C-alpha atoms as a PDB file:
ATOM      1  CA  UNK A   1     -17.495 -17.116  58.963  1.00  0.00           C
ATOM      2  CA  UNK A   2     -17.610 -14.654  56.159  1.00  0.00           C
ATOM      3  CA  UNK A   3     -14.605 -14.112  54.216  1.00  0.00           C
ATOM      4  CA  UNK A   4     -13.435 -10.607  53.453  1.00  0.00           C
ATOM      5  CA  UNK A   5     -13.165  -9.704  49.791  1.00  0.00           C
ATOM      6  CA  UNK A   6      -9.698  -8.561  48.520  1.00  0.00           C
ATOM      7  CA  UNK A   7      -9.565  -4.818  48.456  1.00  0.00           C
ATOM      8  CA  UNK A   8     -10.224  -2.921  45.227  1.00  0.00           C
ATOM      9  CA  UNK A   9      -7.315  -2.241  43.307  1.00  0.00           C
ATOM     10  CA  UNK A  10      -6.799   1.356  42.557  1.00  0.00           C
ATOM     11  CA  UNK A  11      -6.235   2.118  38.899  1.00  0.00           C
ATOM     12  CA  UNK A  12      -2.691   2.473  37.730  1.00  0.00           C
ATOM     13  CA  UNK A  13      -1.458   5.486  35.867  1.00  0.00           C
ATOM     14  CA  UNK A  14      -1.279   3.538  32.795  1.00  0.00           C
ATOM     15  CA  UNK A  15      -4.918   2.414  32.786  1.00  0.00           C
ATOM     16  CA  UNK A  16      -6.206   5.844  33.582  1.00  0.00           C
ATOM     17  CA  UNK A  17      -4.505   7.630  30.791  1.00  0.00           C
ATOM     18  CA  UNK A  18      -6.155   8.435  27.456  1.00  0.00           C
ATOM     19  CA  UNK A  19      -5.703   5.706  24.908  1.00  0.00           C
ATOM     20  CA  UNK A  20      -3.615   6.831  21.959  1.00  0.00           C
ATOM     21  CA  UNK A  21      -5.431   7.882  18.815  1.00  0.00           C
ATOM     22  CA  UNK A  22      -5.954   4.765  16.612  1.00  0.00           C
ATOM     23  CA  UNK A  23      -4.731   5.048  13.054  1.00  0.00           C
ATOM     24  CA  UNK A  24      -7.256   3.861  10.475  1.00  0.00           C
ATOM     25  CA  UNK A  25      -6.381   1.041   8.275  1.00  0.00           C
ATOM     26  CA  UNK A  26      -7.825   1.207   4.869  1.00  0.00           C
ATOM     27  CA  UNK A  27      -7.991  -2.328   2.862  1.00  0.00           C
ATOM     28  CA  UNK A  28      -8.207  -2.851  -0.881  1.00  0.00           C
ATOM     29  CA  UNK A  29      -9.230  -5.548  -3.073  1.00  0.00           C
ATOM     30  CA  UNK A  30      -8.883  -6.931  -6.500  1.00  0.00           C
ATOM     31  CA  UNK A  31     -11.874  -6.769  -8.851  1.00  0.00           C
ATOM     32  CA  UNK A  32     -12.327 -10.622  -7.851  1.00  0.00           C
ATOM     33  CA  UNK A  33     -12.665  -9.682  -4.171  1.00  0.00           C
ATOM     34  CA  UNK A  34      -9.330 -10.965  -3.201  1.00  0.00           C
ATOM     35  CA  UNK A  35      -7.888  -8.829  -0.487  1.00  0.00           C
ATOM     36  CA  UNK A  36      -4.687  -7.168  -1.915  1.00  0.00           C
ATOM     37  CA  UNK A  37      -3.155  -4.832   0.521  1.00  0.00           C
ATOM     38  CA  UNK A  38      -3.803  -2.616   3.786  1.00  0.00           C
ATOM     39  CA  UNK A  39      -2.350   0.863   4.202  1.00  0.00           C
ATOM     40  CA  UNK A  40      -2.812   3.577   6.795  1.00  0.00           C
ATOM     41  CA  UNK A  41      -2.987   6.151   4.082  1.00  0.00           C
ATOM     42  CA  UNK A  42      -6.250   6.128   1.865  1.00  0.00           C
ATOM     43  CA  UNK A  43      -5.715   5.444  -1.853  1.00  0.00           C
ATOM     44  CA  UNK A  44      -7.069   8.887  -2.735  1.00  0.00           C
ATOM     45  CA  UNK A  45      -4.179  10.528  -0.706  1.00  0.00           C
ATOM     46  CA  UNK A  46      -1.259   8.688  -2.285  1.00  0.00           C
ATOM     47  CA  UNK A  47       0.613  10.598  -5.093  1.00  0.00           C
ATOM     48  CA  UNK A  48       0.359   9.608  -8.612  1.00  0.00           C
ATOM     49  CA  UNK A  49       2.973   8.998 -11.228  1.00  0.00           C
ATOM     50  CA  UNK A  50       2.930  12.072 -13.808  1.00  0.00           C
ATOM     51  CA  UNK A  51       0.881  14.088 -11.620  1.00  0.00           C
ATOM     52  CA  UNK A  52       3.523  16.662 -10.695  1.00  0.00           C
ATOM     53  CA  UNK A  53       4.132  17.819 -14.292  1.00  0.00           C
ATOM     54  CA  UNK A  54       0.912  18.573 -16.194  1.00  0.00           C
ATOM     55  CA  UNK A  55       2.960  19.219 -19.406  1.00  0.00           C
ATOM     56  CA  UNK A  56       3.929  15.617 -19.585  1.00  0.00           C
ATOM     57  CA  UNK A  57       2.248  12.436 -20.632  1.00  0.00           C
ATOM     58  CA  UNK A  58       0.575  11.409 -17.432  1.00  0.00           C
ATOM     59  CA  UNK A  59       2.390   8.010 -17.686  1.00  0.00           C
ATOM     60  CA  UNK A  60      -0.319   5.469 -16.367  1.00  0.00           C
ATOM     61  CA  UNK A  61      -1.350   7.392 -13.358  1.00  0.00           C
ATOM     62  CA  UNK A  62      -0.499   4.731 -11.104  1.00  0.00           C
ATOM     63  CA  UNK A  63      -0.718   5.316  -7.377  1.00  0.00           C
ATOM     64  CA  UNK A  64       2.675   5.269  -5.557  1.00  0.00           C
ATOM     65  CA  UNK A  65       2.486   3.071  -2.334  1.00  0.00           C
ATOM     66  CA  UNK A  66       5.482   3.370  -0.251  1.00  0.00           C
ATOM     67  CA  UNK A  67       6.348   0.130   1.648  1.00  0.00           C
ATOM     68  CA  UNK A  68       7.976   0.863   4.945  1.00  0.00           C
ATOM     69  CA  UNK A  69      10.164  -1.987   6.077  1.00  0.00           C
ATOM     70  CA  UNK A  70       8.763  -1.556   9.751  1.00  0.00           C
ATOM     71  CA  UNK A  71       5.587  -0.375  11.159  1.00  0.00           C
ATOM     72  CA  UNK A  72       5.774   3.276  12.476  1.00  0.00           C
ATOM     73  CA  UNK A  73       6.514   3.913  16.226  1.00  0.00           C
ATOM     74  CA  UNK A  74       4.422   6.033  18.332  1.00  0.00           C
ATOM     75  CA  UNK A  75       6.783   9.028  18.059  1.00  0.00           C
ATOM     76  CA  UNK A  76       7.150   8.878  14.312  1.00  0.00           C
ATOM     77  CA  UNK A  77       5.938  11.762  12.553  1.00  0.00           C
ATOM     78  CA  UNK A  78       5.218   9.944   9.291  1.00  0.00           C
ATOM     79  CA  UNK A  79       2.618   7.270  10.288  1.00  0.00           C
ATOM     80  CA  UNK A  80       2.192   5.717   6.920  1.00  0.00           C
ATOM     81  CA  UNK A  81       2.395   1.947   6.885  1.00  0.00           C
ATOM     82  CA  UNK A  82       1.446  -0.406   3.971  1.00  0.00           C
ATOM     83  CA  UNK A  83       1.513  -4.191   3.525  1.00  0.00           C
ATOM     84  CA  UNK A  84       0.949  -6.273   0.305  1.00  0.00           C
ATOM     85  CA  UNK A  85      -0.890  -9.181   1.185  1.00  0.00           C
ATOM     86  CA  UNK A  86      -2.093 -11.321  -1.831  1.00  0.00           C
ATOM     87  CA  UNK A  87      -0.022  -9.778  -4.380  1.00  0.00           C
ATOM     88  CA  UNK A  88       2.536 -11.892  -6.444  1.00  0.00           C
ATOM     89  CA  UNK A  89       5.019 -11.167  -9.191  1.00  0.00           C
ATOM     90  CA  UNK A  90       4.608 -12.955 -12.668  1.00  0.00           C
ATOM     91  CA  UNK A  91       5.208 -16.619 -12.364  1.00  0.00           C
ATOM     92  CA  UNK A  92       8.489 -16.238 -14.725  1.00  0.00           C
ATOM     93  CA  UNK A  93       9.555 -13.148 -12.467  1.00  0.00           C
ATOM     94  CA  UNK A  94      11.017 -11.652 -15.445  1.00  0.00           C
ATOM     95  CA  UNK A  95      10.599  -7.726 -15.879  1.00  0.00           C
ATOM     96  CA  UNK A  96       8.516  -6.279 -18.778  1.00  0.00           C
ATOM     97  CA  UNK A  97      10.137  -3.444 -20.901  1.00  0.00           C
ATOM     98  CA  UNK A  98       7.333  -0.511 -21.500  1.00  0.00           C
ATOM     99  CA  UNK A  99       8.174   1.930 -24.273  1.00  0.00           C
ATOM    100  CA  UNK A 100       7.324   5.556 -22.919  1.00  0.00           C
ATOM    101  CA  UNK A 101       7.867   8.855 -24.877  1.00  0.00           C
ATOM    102  CA  UNK A 102      10.966   9.532 -22.797  1.00  0.00           C
ATOM    103  CA  UNK A 103      12.568   6.047 -23.073  1.00  0.00           C
ATOM    104  CA  UNK A 104      12.122   2.496 -21.754  1.00  0.00           C
ATOM    105  CA  UNK A 105      11.065   1.451 -18.331  1.00  0.00           C
ATOM    106  CA  UNK A 106      11.835  -2.012 -16.744  1.00  0.00           C
ATOM    107  CA  UNK A 107       8.925  -3.014 -14.656  1.00  0.00           C
ATOM    108  CA  UNK A 108       8.128  -6.076 -12.647  1.00  0.00           C
ATOM    109  CA  UNK A 109       4.413  -6.852 -12.896  1.00  0.00           C
ATOM    110  CA  UNK A 110       2.478  -7.609  -9.598  1.00  0.00           C
ATOM    111  CA  UNK A 111      -0.641  -9.741  -9.858  1.00  0.00           C
ATOM    112  CA  UNK A 112      -3.592 -10.877  -7.800  1.00  0.00           C
ATOM    113  CA  UNK A 113      -2.746 -14.230  -6.174  1.00  0.00           C
ATOM    114  CA  UNK A 114      -6.320 -15.341  -6.912  1.00  0.00           C
ATOM    115  CA  UNK A 115      -7.252 -14.409 -10.455  1.00  0.00           C
ATOM    116  CA  UNK A 116      -3.746 -13.207 -11.719  1.00  0.00           C
ATOM    117  CA  UNK A 117      -5.106  -9.897 -12.909  1.00  0.00           C
ATOM    118  CA  UNK A 118      -2.368  -7.175 -13.182  1.00  0.00           C
ATOM    119  CA  UNK A 119      -2.781  -4.857 -10.174  1.00  0.00           C
ATOM    120  CA  UNK A 120       0.675  -2.989 -10.221  1.00  0.00           C
ATOM    121  CA  UNK A 121       4.262  -3.325 -10.666  1.00  0.00           C
ATOM    122  CA  UNK A 122       7.598  -2.444  -9.140  1.00  0.00           C
ATOM    123  CA  UNK A 123      10.296  -0.502 -11.010  1.00  0.00           C
ATOM    124  CA  UNK A 124      13.643  -1.774 -11.642  1.00  0.00           C
ATOM    125  CA  UNK A 125      16.485  -0.163  -9.415  1.00  0.00           C
ATOM    126  CA  UNK A 126      18.068   0.937 -12.629  1.00  0.00           C
ATOM    127  CA  UNK A 127      15.735   3.983 -12.592  1.00  0.00           C
ATOM    128  CA  UNK A 128      16.910   5.070  -9.351  1.00  0.00           C
ATOM    129  CA  UNK A 129      20.084   6.637 -10.474  1.00  0.00           C
ATOM    130  CA  UNK A 130      22.691   6.923  -7.911  1.00  0.00           C
ATOM    131  CA  UNK A 131      20.406   5.419  -5.090  1.00  0.00           C
ATOM    132  CA  UNK A 132      20.350   2.124  -7.211  1.00  0.00           C
ATOM    133  CA  UNK A 133      23.801   1.875  -7.807  1.00  0.00           C
ATOM    134  CA  UNK A 134      25.177  -1.775  -7.303  1.00  0.00           C
ATOM    135  CA  UNK A 135      21.516  -3.007  -6.882  1.00  0.00           C
ATOM    136  CA  UNK A 136      19.403  -4.867  -9.380  1.00  0.00           C
ATOM    137  CA  UNK A 137      16.018  -6.326  -9.764  1.00  0.00           C
ATOM    138  CA  UNK A 138      12.874  -4.863  -8.511  1.00  0.00           C
ATOM    139  CA  UNK A 139      12.795  -2.181  -6.102  1.00  0.00           C
ATOM    140  CA  UNK A 140      10.320  -3.692  -3.405  1.00  0.00           C
ATOM    141  CA  UNK A 141       9.868  -0.513  -1.149  1.00  0.00           C
ATOM    142  CA  UNK A 142       7.641   1.080  -3.684  1.00  0.00           C
ATOM    143  CA  UNK A 143       4.621  -0.390  -5.388  1.00  0.00           C
ATOM    144  CA  UNK A 144       2.867   1.258  -8.187  1.00  0.00           C
ATOM    145  CA  UNK A 145      -0.913   0.330  -8.341  1.00  0.00           C
ATOM    146  CA  UNK A 146      -2.661   0.535 -11.541  1.00  0.00           C
ATOM    147  CA  UNK A 147      -5.596   2.881 -11.719  1.00  0.00           C
ATOM    148  CA  UNK A 148      -8.786   0.961 -11.690  1.00  0.00           C
ATOM    149  CA  UNK A 149      -7.180  -2.372 -10.731  1.00  0.00           C
ATOM    150  CA  UNK A 150      -8.329  -2.118  -6.943  1.00  0.00           C
ATOM    151  CA  UNK A 151     -11.643  -1.492  -5.007  1.00  0.00           C
ATOM    152  CA  UNK A 152     -11.806  -0.286  -1.451  1.00  0.00           C
ATOM    153  CA  UNK A 153     -13.439  -2.567   0.850  1.00  0.00           C
ATOM    154  CA  UNK A 154     -16.328   0.020   1.428  1.00  0.00           C
ATOM    155  CA  UNK A 155     -17.067   0.325  -2.353  1.00  0.00           C
ATOM    156  CA  UNK A 156     -16.774  -3.294  -2.749  1.00  0.00           C
ATOM    157  CA  UNK A 157     -19.478  -3.733   0.077  1.00  0.00           C
ATOM    158  CA  UNK A 158     -21.776  -1.284  -1.693  1.00  0.00           C
ATOM    159  CA  UNK A 159     -21.223  -2.920  -5.050  1.00  0.00           C
ATOM    160  CA  UNK A 160     -19.349  -0.067  -6.506  1.00  0.00           C
ATOM    161  CA  UNK A 161     -16.190  -0.600  -8.569  1.00  0.00           C
ATOM    162  CA  UNK A 162     -13.271   1.675  -9.293  1.00  0.00           C
ATOM    163  CA  UNK A 163     -10.584   3.165  -6.977  1.00  0.00           C
ATOM    164  CA  UNK A 164     -12.039   6.081  -5.343  1.00  0.00           C
ATOM    165  CA  UNK A 165      -9.836   5.607  -2.145  1.00  0.00           C
ATOM    166  CA  UNK A 166     -12.251   5.415   0.484  1.00  0.00           C
ATOM    167  CA  UNK A 167     -12.091   1.732   1.200  1.00  0.00           C
ATOM    168  CA  UNK A 168     -11.836   1.128   4.896  1.00  0.00           C
END
């Protein structure tokens, strides 16, 4: 006796709708090849310190990487997300005071977890005026990445150095 096969299921509306556009993820490494962070914004598209005012000293030209506390929702207009992976503070966790033309700056260095090379820093809350009132220590929702300290995955694969920002 032949058994009847079950009827084919018709596609559900969810399975026939177009898949949402995928957001690319760019990954960046230390010069020692350790994976440091992933972001949905290429490095070359991030703002840089000192870039907004050409009349001032360009600071250290560090890339400004916002670190959102949660991944973006589908309906969020700002789809940026970044995640530090193998980046660690200095072992003593003490800030470093940097003298600049316009005063002093309190920085918390961030290093590669493998080779301990400096790759960036967080600024102290004291630099944020009223937004930082009552807060102390490193502001962890923004990282500053030093120019030349990171390499995109694609550049690393090709054997190129630098931080051209295309690493995907």
